[in-house]
Protein backbone atom coordinates (compact mmCIF):
# COMPACT_ATOMS: atom_id res chain seq x y z
CA MET A 1 121.04 80.60 44.22
CA THR A 2 123.92 81.12 41.76
CA LEU A 3 126.23 78.98 43.91
CA VAL A 4 123.66 76.20 44.10
CA ILE A 5 123.22 76.19 40.30
CA LEU A 6 126.98 76.22 39.83
CA GLY A 7 127.37 73.25 42.19
CA ALA A 8 124.63 71.35 40.38
CA LEU A 9 126.31 71.87 36.98
CA TRP A 10 129.66 70.68 38.40
CA LEU A 11 127.95 67.60 39.85
CA PHE A 12 126.28 66.71 36.51
CA HIS A 13 129.64 67.15 34.71
CA TYR A 14 131.33 64.83 37.22
CA LEU A 15 128.69 62.11 36.90
CA GLY A 16 129.47 61.73 33.21
CA SER A 17 133.28 62.07 33.40
CA GLY A 18 134.29 58.96 35.40
CA SER A 19 137.06 60.90 37.26
CA ASP A 20 138.25 60.42 40.87
CA PRO A 21 135.24 60.75 43.23
CA LEU A 22 137.19 62.77 45.76
CA LEU A 23 138.35 65.28 43.19
CA GLY A 24 134.92 65.45 41.63
CA LEU A 25 132.79 65.81 44.75
CA PHE A 26 135.05 68.13 46.80
CA PRO A 27 134.29 71.29 44.74
CA VAL A 28 130.58 70.51 45.02
CA VAL A 29 130.87 70.34 48.83
CA VAL A 30 132.80 73.62 48.88
CA ILE A 31 130.24 75.37 46.67
CA PHE A 32 127.22 74.15 48.66
CA SER A 33 128.94 75.04 51.98
CA SER A 34 129.61 78.54 50.66
CA ALA A 35 125.92 78.86 49.77
CA LEU A 36 124.94 77.91 53.32
CA LEU A 37 127.32 80.49 54.83
CA THR A 38 126.19 83.36 52.59
CA PRO A 39 123.31 84.47 54.97
CA ASP A 40 125.82 84.66 57.84
CA LEU A 41 127.84 87.20 55.86
CA VAL A 42 124.75 89.42 55.55
CA GLU A 43 124.03 89.53 59.29
CA PHE A 44 127.55 89.25 60.69
CA GLY A 45 126.76 89.04 64.41
CA PRO A 46 128.63 87.12 67.14
CA THR A 47 126.95 83.78 66.30
CA GLU A 48 127.41 84.23 62.55
CA ARG A 49 131.03 85.32 63.10
CA THR A 50 131.74 82.11 65.00
CA ARG A 51 130.19 79.90 62.30
CA VAL A 52 132.07 81.61 59.46
CA SER A 53 135.44 81.57 61.27
CA THR A 54 135.00 77.89 62.18
CA ALA A 55 134.20 77.05 58.56
CA LEU A 56 137.36 78.89 57.43
CA CYS A 57 139.53 76.94 59.90
CA ILE A 58 138.08 73.65 58.68
CA ALA A 59 138.28 74.57 54.97
CA TRP A 60 141.86 75.74 54.44
CA PRO A 61 143.71 72.42 55.25
CA PRO A 62 141.70 70.40 52.64
CA MET A 63 142.38 73.20 50.15
CA LEU A 64 146.10 72.85 50.84
CA ALA A 65 145.84 69.07 50.47
CA PHE A 66 144.17 69.46 47.05
CA ALA A 67 146.91 71.85 46.01
CA GLU A 68 149.52 69.25 46.98
CA THR A 69 147.63 66.57 45.06
CA TYR A 70 147.58 68.76 41.94
CA ARG A 71 151.30 69.41 42.35
CA GLN A 72 152.11 65.70 42.50
CA SER A 73 149.93 64.97 39.48
CA GLU A 74 151.61 67.84 37.59
CA GLY A 75 148.34 69.57 37.09
CA ASN A 76 147.66 73.05 35.82
CA SER A 77 150.00 75.53 37.52
CA SER A 78 147.35 78.24 37.54
CA ALA A 79 144.92 75.95 39.36
CA LEU A 80 147.68 74.97 41.78
CA PHE A 81 148.51 78.59 42.51
CA SER A 82 144.84 79.44 42.94
CA LEU A 83 144.32 76.63 45.49
CA VAL A 84 147.39 77.65 47.50
CA ALA A 85 146.35 81.30 47.45
CA LEU A 86 142.78 80.42 48.48
CA SER A 87 144.09 78.24 51.31
CA LEU A 88 146.33 81.09 52.49
CA VAL A 89 143.48 83.62 52.34
CA LEU A 90 141.22 81.32 54.38
CA LEU A 91 144.00 80.86 56.94
CA LEU A 92 144.58 84.60 57.29
CA PHE A 93 140.88 85.35 57.68
CA SER A 94 140.49 82.61 60.30
CA ILE A 95 143.43 84.07 62.22
CA HIS A 96 141.86 87.53 62.00
CA LEU A 97 138.45 86.35 63.23
CA LEU A 98 139.66 84.08 66.04
CA SER A 99 142.47 86.00 67.76
CA PHE A 100 140.62 87.90 70.47
CA ASP A 101 141.49 85.85 73.51
CA VAL A 102 142.93 82.51 74.55
CA ASN A 103 139.64 80.69 74.24
CA SER A 104 139.09 81.88 70.66
CA LYS A 105 142.64 80.86 69.71
CA ARG A 106 142.17 77.41 71.23
CA TRP A 107 138.92 77.05 69.31
CA ARG A 108 140.80 77.98 66.12
CA ALA A 109 143.34 75.24 66.86
CA LEU A 110 140.65 72.62 67.43
CA SER A 111 138.77 73.64 64.27
CA THR A 112 142.02 73.54 62.27
CA ILE A 113 142.73 70.01 63.54
CA VAL A 114 139.30 68.98 62.25
CA GLY A 115 140.25 70.47 58.88
CA PHE A 116 143.52 68.52 58.82
CA GLY A 117 141.53 65.41 59.63
CA LEU A 118 139.51 66.02 56.47
CA ALA A 119 142.74 66.62 54.52
CA ILE A 120 144.21 63.19 55.39
CA PRO A 121 141.93 61.20 53.00
CA ILE A 122 142.95 63.58 50.21
CA ILE A 123 146.68 63.03 50.90
CA LEU A 124 146.16 59.27 51.01
CA THR A 125 145.51 59.34 47.26
CA ASN A 126 149.20 60.20 46.92
CA SER A 127 151.90 58.00 48.51
CA ASN A 128 154.69 60.55 48.24
CA PRO A 129 156.20 61.30 51.76
CA THR A 130 156.77 64.90 50.73
CA SER A 131 153.02 65.38 50.57
CA TRP A 132 152.72 64.35 54.19
CA LEU A 133 155.32 66.95 55.17
CA VAL A 134 153.37 69.62 53.29
CA ILE A 135 150.34 68.83 55.43
CA ALA A 136 152.01 67.88 58.75
CA VAL A 137 154.21 70.96 59.11
CA PRO A 138 151.34 73.51 58.81
CA ALA A 139 149.20 71.30 61.06
CA ILE A 140 151.77 71.27 63.84
CA PHE A 141 152.75 74.94 63.63
CA SER A 142 149.16 76.26 63.36
CA SER A 143 147.61 74.09 66.10
CA ALA A 144 150.14 72.92 68.69
CA PRO A 145 151.23 76.39 69.94
CA LEU A 146 147.63 77.47 70.30
CA LEU A 147 146.68 74.37 72.29
CA LEU A 148 149.59 74.98 74.67
CA LEU A 149 148.80 78.69 74.93
CA LYS A 150 148.15 80.08 78.43
CA ASP A 151 146.02 83.10 79.40
CA GLY A 152 148.35 84.51 82.05
CA LEU A 153 145.86 83.98 84.88
CA GLU A 154 147.49 80.90 86.39
CA GLY A 155 148.87 82.84 89.32
CA ASP A 156 145.50 84.45 89.97
CA ARG A 157 143.82 81.04 89.85
CA ARG A 158 146.34 79.67 92.35
CA ASP A 159 145.71 82.60 94.70
CA PHE A 160 141.98 82.13 94.22
CA LEU A 161 142.09 78.44 95.13
CA ILE A 162 144.24 79.05 98.21
CA ARG A 163 141.99 81.82 99.48
CA LEU A 164 138.87 79.79 98.69
CA LYS A 165 140.11 76.84 100.73
CA ASN A 166 141.03 79.08 103.68
CA VAL A 167 137.61 80.77 103.72
CA GLU A 168 135.80 77.43 103.36
CA ARG A 169 137.80 76.00 106.27
CA ARG A 170 136.95 79.05 108.40
CA LEU A 171 133.29 78.78 107.46
CA LEU A 172 133.21 75.09 108.44
CA ASP A 173 134.62 75.95 111.87
CA ILE A 174 132.00 78.69 112.37
CA ASN A 175 129.15 76.44 111.20
CA SER A 176 130.17 73.73 113.65
CA GLU A 177 129.92 76.24 116.52
CA SER A 178 126.97 78.49 115.66
CA GLY A 179 125.01 76.79 112.90
CA PRO A 180 125.06 77.13 109.10
CA MET A 181 125.38 80.50 107.37
CA GLN A 182 123.32 80.33 104.22
CA GLN A 183 124.46 83.50 102.44
CA PRO A 184 128.26 82.95 102.74
CA ILE A 185 127.82 79.32 101.64
CA SER A 186 125.90 80.47 98.56
CA LEU A 187 128.55 83.08 97.70
CA LEU A 188 131.41 80.56 98.02
CA LYS A 189 129.55 78.07 95.85
CA LYS A 190 129.12 80.71 93.17
CA ALA A 191 132.80 81.69 93.51
CA ARG A 192 133.90 78.06 92.96
CA GLU A 193 131.74 77.88 89.82
CA GLU A 194 132.99 81.14 88.28
CA GLY A 195 136.47 81.58 89.78
CA MET A 196 138.43 79.24 87.51
CA LYS A 197 137.17 81.07 84.43
CA ASP A 198 137.41 84.54 85.97
CA PRO A 199 139.72 84.57 89.03
CA GLU A 200 139.09 88.28 89.60
CA ARG A 201 135.34 87.65 89.81
CA GLY A 202 135.97 84.66 92.08
CA LEU A 203 138.14 86.72 94.44
CA HIS A 204 135.45 89.40 94.54
CA LEU A 205 132.84 86.81 95.53
CA ILE A 206 135.16 85.46 98.22
CA SER A 207 135.57 89.00 99.59
CA GLU A 208 131.79 89.37 99.68
CA ALA A 209 131.52 86.03 101.49
CA GLU A 210 134.13 87.18 104.06
CA ASN A 211 132.25 90.44 104.59
CA GLU A 212 129.00 88.52 104.96
CA ILE A 213 130.66 86.20 107.49
CA GLN A 214 131.87 89.23 109.43
CA ARG A 215 128.41 90.83 109.38
CA THR A 216 126.82 87.55 110.36
CA MET A 217 129.21 87.07 113.27
CA SER A 218 128.50 90.62 114.48
CA PHE A 219 124.77 90.05 114.11
CA LEU A 220 125.12 86.69 115.86
CA LYS A 221 126.75 88.41 118.81
CA ASP A 222 123.87 90.89 119.02
CA LEU A 223 121.41 88.03 118.67
CA VAL A 224 122.95 86.26 121.66
CA ASP A 225 122.42 89.43 123.73
CA ILE A 226 118.80 89.63 122.53
CA ARG A 227 118.28 85.97 123.42
CA ASP A 228 119.72 86.42 126.92
CA SER A 229 117.57 89.52 127.53
CA SER A 230 114.48 87.73 126.26
CA GLU A 231 115.16 84.70 128.42
CA SER A 232 115.65 86.86 131.51
CA THR A 233 112.28 88.58 130.99
CA LEU A 234 110.69 85.23 130.23
CA VAL A 235 111.89 83.73 133.52
CA ARG A 236 110.40 86.69 135.43
CA SER A 237 107.03 86.33 133.67
CA GLU A 238 106.91 82.59 134.35
CA GLY A 239 107.61 83.33 138.00
CA ILE A 240 104.51 85.57 138.02
CA THR A 241 102.16 83.21 136.17
CA GLY A 242 103.58 80.03 137.68
CA SER A 243 103.57 78.17 134.36
CA LYS A 244 105.13 78.11 130.91
CA GLY A 245 103.00 79.57 128.17
CA GLY A 246 103.04 80.86 124.62
CA ALA A 247 106.06 83.10 125.15
CA ARG A 248 108.18 80.08 126.09
CA ARG A 249 107.07 78.21 122.95
CA ILE A 250 108.01 81.18 120.77
CA PHE A 251 111.38 81.41 122.53
CA GLU A 252 112.10 77.73 121.85
CA ASP A 253 111.13 78.15 118.18
CA ALA A 254 113.52 81.11 117.97
CA SER A 255 116.33 78.99 119.43
CA GLU A 256 115.73 76.35 116.75
CA GLU A 257 115.75 79.01 114.04
CA MET A 258 119.05 80.30 115.40
CA GLU A 259 120.59 76.82 115.29
CA ASN A 260 119.39 76.37 111.70
CA GLY A 261 120.97 79.65 110.61
CA SER A 262 117.75 81.66 110.13
CA LEU A 263 119.03 84.55 112.22
CA ARG A 264 116.53 87.22 111.15
CA SER A 265 113.60 84.96 111.88
CA ALA A 266 115.16 84.02 115.22
CA GLU A 267 115.61 87.71 116.11
CA ASN A 268 111.96 88.49 115.39
CA LYS A 269 110.75 85.57 117.49
CA PHE A 270 113.08 86.42 120.40
CA ARG A 271 111.70 89.97 120.37
CA GLU A 272 108.12 88.67 120.15
CA ALA A 273 108.68 86.36 123.13
CA LYS A 274 110.20 89.24 125.10
CA THR A 275 107.26 91.53 124.27
CA MET A 276 104.76 88.94 125.49
CA ALA A 277 106.76 88.37 128.67
CA GLU A 278 107.02 92.12 129.32
CA LYS A 279 103.23 92.46 129.03
CA ILE A 280 102.84 89.79 131.68
CA VAL A 281 105.42 91.40 133.97
CA THR A 282 103.86 94.87 133.53
CA HIS A 283 100.13 94.15 133.53
CA TRP A 284 99.50 90.79 135.20
CA GLU A 285 99.09 92.11 138.73
CA SER A 286 96.93 95.04 137.58
CA ALA A 287 94.75 92.73 135.49
CA THR A 288 94.26 90.33 138.41
CA LYS A 289 93.27 93.23 140.67
CA ALA A 290 90.87 94.66 138.05
CA ILE A 291 89.15 91.27 137.65
CA SER A 292 88.73 90.97 141.43
CA GLU A 293 87.20 94.47 141.61
CA ALA A 294 84.85 93.62 138.74
CA GLU A 295 83.74 90.40 140.48
CA GLU A 296 83.12 92.33 143.69
CA ALA A 297 81.11 95.00 141.84
CA LEU A 298 78.93 92.41 140.12
CA GLY A 299 78.39 90.39 143.29
CA SER A 300 75.34 88.17 143.00
CA GLU A 301 73.35 90.58 140.84
CA GLU A 302 71.43 89.09 137.94
CA GLY A 303 69.55 90.47 135.01
CA HIS A 304 69.82 91.44 131.38
CA LEU A 305 72.38 94.23 131.79
CA VAL A 306 74.39 92.42 134.44
CA GLY A 307 74.51 89.38 132.15
CA GLY A 308 76.37 91.43 129.53
CA LEU A 309 78.89 92.59 132.13
CA ARG A 310 79.40 88.99 133.28
CA SER A 311 80.15 88.03 129.65
CA SER A 312 82.83 90.74 129.59
CA LEU A 313 84.26 89.34 132.81
CA GLU A 314 84.45 85.85 131.28
CA SER A 315 86.23 87.31 128.23
CA ALA A 316 88.77 88.92 130.56
CA ARG A 317 89.40 85.59 132.32
CA LYS A 318 89.91 83.94 128.92
CA ALA A 319 92.39 86.67 127.97
CA MET A 320 94.33 85.93 131.16
CA GLU A 321 94.45 82.26 130.19
CA GLU A 322 95.88 83.33 126.83
CA GLU A 323 98.49 85.46 128.66
CA ASP A 324 97.13 88.78 127.44
CA PRO A 325 96.64 90.78 130.67
CA GLU A 326 96.67 94.12 128.83
CA TYR A 327 93.56 93.13 126.88
CA ALA A 328 91.95 91.77 130.05
CA ILE A 329 92.42 95.15 131.75
CA SER A 330 90.83 96.96 128.81
CA ILE A 331 87.76 94.71 129.17
CA VAL A 332 87.12 94.77 132.93
CA SER A 333 88.46 98.17 133.98
CA GLU A 334 85.11 99.86 133.28
CA ILE A 335 82.88 97.17 134.80
CA PRO A 336 82.62 98.85 138.28
CA SER A 337 81.56 102.18 136.75
CA GLN A 338 79.24 100.39 134.32
CA MET A 339 77.72 98.53 137.26
CA GLY A 340 77.07 101.92 138.89
CA ASP A 341 75.30 103.02 135.71
CA VAL A 342 73.23 99.83 135.82
CA GLU A 343 72.18 100.58 139.40
CA ASP A 344 71.21 104.14 138.42
CA LEU A 345 69.23 102.79 135.48
CA MET A 346 67.43 100.26 137.69
CA SER A 347 66.60 103.03 140.17
CA ARG A 348 65.17 105.13 137.35
CA ALA A 349 63.14 102.14 136.15
CA ASN A 350 61.66 101.67 139.64
CA ARG A 351 60.74 105.36 139.78
CA SER A 352 59.08 105.14 136.36
CA VAL A 353 56.98 102.15 137.45
CA MET A 354 56.01 103.92 140.68
CA GLU A 355 54.99 107.04 138.72
CA ALA A 356 52.91 104.92 136.33
CA ASN A 357 51.25 103.14 139.27
CA SER A 358 50.52 106.49 140.93
CA ALA A 359 49.07 107.85 137.69
CA ILE A 360 46.73 104.86 137.47
CA SER A 361 45.64 105.22 141.09
CA SER A 362 44.87 108.93 140.78
CA SER A 363 43.36 108.76 137.31
CA GLU A 364 39.76 109.97 136.91
CA VAL A 365 39.39 108.07 133.65
CA SER A 366 38.99 104.38 133.22
CA ILE A 367 42.25 102.49 132.72
CA SER A 368 42.45 100.24 129.66
CA GLU A 369 43.47 96.61 129.91
CA GLU A 370 46.37 97.36 127.60
CA ASN A 371 47.88 99.90 130.02
CA LEU A 372 47.47 97.51 132.96
CA LYS A 373 49.19 94.77 130.93
CA ARG A 374 52.05 97.09 129.99
CA LEU A 375 52.54 98.03 133.65
CA ASP A 376 52.77 94.34 134.58
CA GLU A 377 55.32 93.83 131.79
CA ALA A 378 57.36 96.75 133.16
CA ARG A 379 57.48 95.09 136.59
CA GLU A 380 58.60 91.82 134.99
CA ALA A 381 61.31 93.68 133.06
CA ILE A 382 62.65 95.09 136.34
CA ASP A 383 62.70 91.62 137.86
CA SER A 384 64.69 90.32 134.84
CA GLY A 385 67.12 93.26 135.03
CA ASN A 386 66.01 94.86 131.75
CA ALA A 387 65.78 98.42 133.03
CA SER A 388 65.53 100.07 129.60
CA LEU A 389 62.46 98.03 128.67
CA ALA A 390 60.86 98.73 132.05
CA ILE A 391 61.41 102.48 131.67
CA GLY A 392 59.94 102.48 128.17
CA LEU A 393 56.82 100.55 129.21
CA ALA A 394 56.20 102.53 132.41
CA GLU A 395 56.68 105.91 130.78
CA GLY A 396 54.38 104.79 127.97
CA VAL A 397 51.63 104.00 130.51
CA THR A 398 52.09 107.37 132.25
CA ARG A 399 52.03 109.21 128.93
CA SER A 400 48.90 107.33 127.83
CA ILE A 401 47.04 108.21 131.07
CA ARG A 402 48.13 111.85 130.79
CA ASN A 403 46.94 112.02 127.19
CA GLU A 404 43.63 110.41 128.22
CA LYS A 405 43.19 112.99 130.96
CA GLU A 406 43.95 115.88 128.62
CA ALA A 407 41.57 114.44 126.02
CA LYS A 408 38.77 114.20 128.62
CA SER A 409 39.24 117.81 129.66
CA SER A 410 39.27 118.97 126.03
CA VAL A 411 36.14 117.00 125.07
CA GLN A 412 34.19 118.13 128.14
CA ARG A 413 35.13 121.74 127.42
CA ALA A 414 33.94 121.38 123.82
CA LEU A 415 30.65 119.70 124.80
CA ARG A 416 29.89 122.53 127.22
CA GLN A 417 29.82 124.71 124.09
CA ARG A 418 27.40 122.36 122.28
CA LYS A 419 24.90 125.14 121.62
CA SER A 420 27.54 127.22 119.88
CA ILE A 421 28.54 124.21 117.78
CA GLU A 422 24.92 123.52 116.79
CA GLU A 423 24.47 127.14 115.73
CA SER A 424 27.46 126.83 113.39
CA ILE A 425 25.96 123.72 111.76
CA PRO A 426 24.14 124.68 108.52
CA SER A 427 20.45 124.05 108.04
CA GLY A 428 19.05 121.96 105.28
CA GLN A 429 19.74 118.43 104.13
CA THR A 430 23.37 118.34 105.36
CA ARG A 431 22.48 119.31 108.95
CA SER A 432 21.56 115.75 109.90
CA ALA A 433 25.02 114.46 108.93
CA TRP A 434 26.68 117.14 111.05
CA MET A 435 24.44 116.34 114.02
CA GLU A 436 25.27 112.63 113.74
CA ARG A 437 28.97 113.44 114.08
CA LEU A 438 28.28 115.58 117.17
CA GLU A 439 26.20 112.81 118.75
CA LYS A 440 29.01 110.32 118.03
CA VAL A 441 31.36 112.52 120.07
CA GLU A 442 28.92 112.45 123.00
CA SER A 443 28.60 108.66 122.69
CA LEU A 444 32.38 108.16 122.78
CA ALA A 445 32.66 110.48 125.77
CA SER A 446 29.92 108.64 127.67
CA ASN A 447 31.78 105.34 127.04
CA GLY A 448 35.04 106.79 128.41
CA GLN A 449 36.79 106.74 125.01
CA TRP A 450 38.18 110.21 125.51
CA GLU A 451 41.03 110.15 123.01
CA GLN A 452 38.75 108.95 120.19
CA ALA A 453 36.17 111.53 121.26
CA GLN A 454 38.81 114.27 121.19
CA GLU A 455 39.91 113.24 117.71
CA SER A 456 36.27 113.25 116.50
CA ILE A 457 35.41 116.67 118.01
CA ASN A 458 38.61 118.14 116.56
CA ASP A 459 37.70 116.81 113.12
CA LEU A 460 34.15 118.18 113.51
CA THR A 461 35.22 121.68 114.50
CA ARG A 462 37.87 121.75 111.79
CA ASP A 463 35.35 120.73 109.13
CA LEU A 464 32.81 123.30 110.42
CA ASP A 465 35.42 126.03 110.21
CA SER A 466 36.27 124.97 106.68
CA PHE A 467 32.57 124.90 105.76
CA ALA A 468 32.01 128.35 107.25
CA SER A 469 34.98 129.72 105.32
CA LYS A 470 33.68 128.29 102.04
CA GLY A 471 30.16 129.57 102.81
CA LEU A 472 31.49 133.07 103.44
CA GLU A 473 33.34 133.06 100.13
CA ALA A 474 30.21 131.79 98.33
CA ARG A 475 28.09 134.53 100.03
CA LYS A 476 30.51 137.23 98.89
CA MET A 477 30.48 135.87 95.36
CA LEU A 478 26.65 135.75 95.39
CA GLU A 479 26.39 139.36 96.58
CA PHE A 480 28.87 140.51 93.96
CA LEU A 481 27.06 138.78 91.11
CA SER A 482 23.65 140.01 92.41
CA ASP A 483 24.82 143.63 92.41
CA ASP A 484 26.36 143.17 88.97
CA TRP A 485 23.12 141.60 87.71
CA LYS A 486 21.03 144.57 88.90
CA ASN A 487 23.18 146.97 86.90
CA LEU A 488 23.29 144.67 83.88
CA ARG A 489 19.50 144.21 83.95
CA LYS A 490 18.92 147.99 83.73
CA ARG A 491 21.25 148.23 80.79
CA LEU A 492 19.50 145.31 79.10
CA ASP A 493 16.14 147.07 79.53
CA SER A 494 17.61 150.17 77.93
CA ALA A 495 19.03 148.08 75.09
CA GLY A 496 15.62 146.55 74.42
CA VAL A 497 16.46 143.02 75.56
CA PRO A 498 13.14 141.73 76.90
CA PRO A 499 12.79 139.93 80.27
CA GLY A 500 11.70 136.84 78.39
CA ASN A 501 15.10 136.43 76.80
CA PRO A 502 16.33 132.88 77.57
CA GLN A 503 19.69 134.05 78.78
CA ARG A 504 18.11 136.69 81.08
CA LYS A 505 15.81 134.06 82.48
CA SER A 506 18.78 131.66 82.98
CA ALA A 507 20.90 134.24 84.80
CA ASP A 508 18.01 135.37 87.00
CA GLY A 509 17.02 131.78 87.83
CA SER A 510 20.58 130.65 88.62
CA LEU A 511 21.11 133.53 91.06
CA SER A 512 17.83 132.81 92.84
CA LYS A 513 18.54 129.07 93.12
CA SER A 514 22.13 129.64 94.31
CA GLU A 515 20.87 131.75 97.22
CA VAL A 516 18.43 128.97 98.20
CA GLU A 517 21.18 126.31 98.03
CA LEU A 518 23.50 128.49 100.08
CA ASP A 519 20.88 128.85 102.82
CA ARG A 520 20.47 125.06 102.81
CA GLY A 521 24.22 124.54 103.21
CA ASN A 522 24.82 123.05 99.75
CA ILE A 523 27.98 125.04 99.03
CA GLU A 524 29.07 123.01 96.01
CA LYS A 525 25.66 123.27 94.34
CA CYS A 526 25.60 126.99 95.08
CA LEU A 527 28.96 127.48 93.39
CA GLU A 528 27.83 125.55 90.31
CA LEU A 529 24.75 127.77 89.96
CA LEU A 530 26.83 130.91 90.41
CA GLU A 531 29.12 129.75 87.62
CA GLU A 532 26.11 129.21 85.33
CA ALA A 533 24.79 132.70 86.18
CA ASP A 534 28.19 134.24 85.46
CA LEU A 535 28.35 132.57 82.03
CA ALA A 536 24.82 133.77 81.16
CA MET A 537 25.66 137.32 82.26
CA GLU A 538 28.80 137.27 80.17
CA SER A 539 26.75 136.34 77.10
CA LEU A 540 24.21 139.14 77.81
CA ARG A 541 26.94 141.77 77.98
CA ARG A 542 27.34 141.44 74.21
CA PHE A 543 23.89 143.05 73.74
CA VAL A 544 24.75 146.29 75.60
């Protein structure tokens, strides 16, 4: 900010002075340029270093030109000395900053020439020839030697170019014989781009290209052997199949890849073609034999299961068309044994139908229309080759008839004990409901519905057992409370509680009614009355 203010003050002073524009504006330019370069001095990195050093190279020649102009105009000697000293300091700093290598020195020369170009208009204000010498001599001695400076790598560049041409010529000869080599070409292209600047790097890239050429040639030799081996196997497989197939197409694609320089891709495809051809050579005859055996095993058989095996056979034929005999063998090799399993299954289905038919013929119970229909469906399933369905239907019929027979025997055995069942039925209002259930069992039995009759008689006997168990528990509870009431009644008499006491009357009445309900078979009502009696007795115990 200080430099900017200083430049502004100088500019305002010049505008009112009427002096030479060049002499008035040049300090302003120097001050403002210094202000712009100040941030670069704070962060003095590679980029900032280049900008500052370039500015120094451009600045010192005009400074020297101004010093010469002051000298000719017999100006202040202190100002003259200051300008010369400043020009010398700028020169020394530019030399210090741009002396690392040949390129930096050449850049210093070019920047200095620009500075001398800016100094020429300043010298033109003075026609003295001596002034031109003051500017020309430093210009020549500070720039010309640097422009003619060499980096000492000319011999290396010459060796690099000679070796590059030899390798490129060798690569062209190889490419004309065996196709392009992509990697060596790429390395040589990179070497040509970088070698003139860095011959050592270029020679290294050429060495890598030569090594890559050597590796490629060795690999190419191996690839030729792989191709010949693949082609030999391919010819044998085509002799077996009698036609060219997918392996030949892959082989031709590999040959094209080899001609185009894609050697790795060509190797993979040659190996793939050989693998396919080897499968044909190894498995074709076995697959053909397996398919013939499968066809012979299937014969003219039809049906659901045989249809699935025929689908497998068609898949095997399709695999042979696609030149995959190994897969075809895996499909059809088990068909003969599977066909044997089918025959065993069909034999079992026939036996199941015969057993069901025999069960129907020898059955003492009436056969339902549903079982007859299922037996017909089983026969149809055998005719269609669906042995599993036939077995399921036939065994279901046999099982149904057997269950019907067992149900008949069970119901008849239970009805022979009708008297015992009637004796276990309670008397009273509920007896009629129990008798209706027993008569329903007899009705179902007389109609030949033995399984339903068995289910009904089982439910009846189970409910009677449950009723008897509950009745026994209620009887025990009644006897217990009756005995307890006898003892409690004596104690109440001793305590002076009269028989007319409401609670005594309630307990006595509940016990009497519960016994009546129990005899009638009303277990639930009996239990309710016993609970009332127990509560009344509990209240009476407080009086004794």
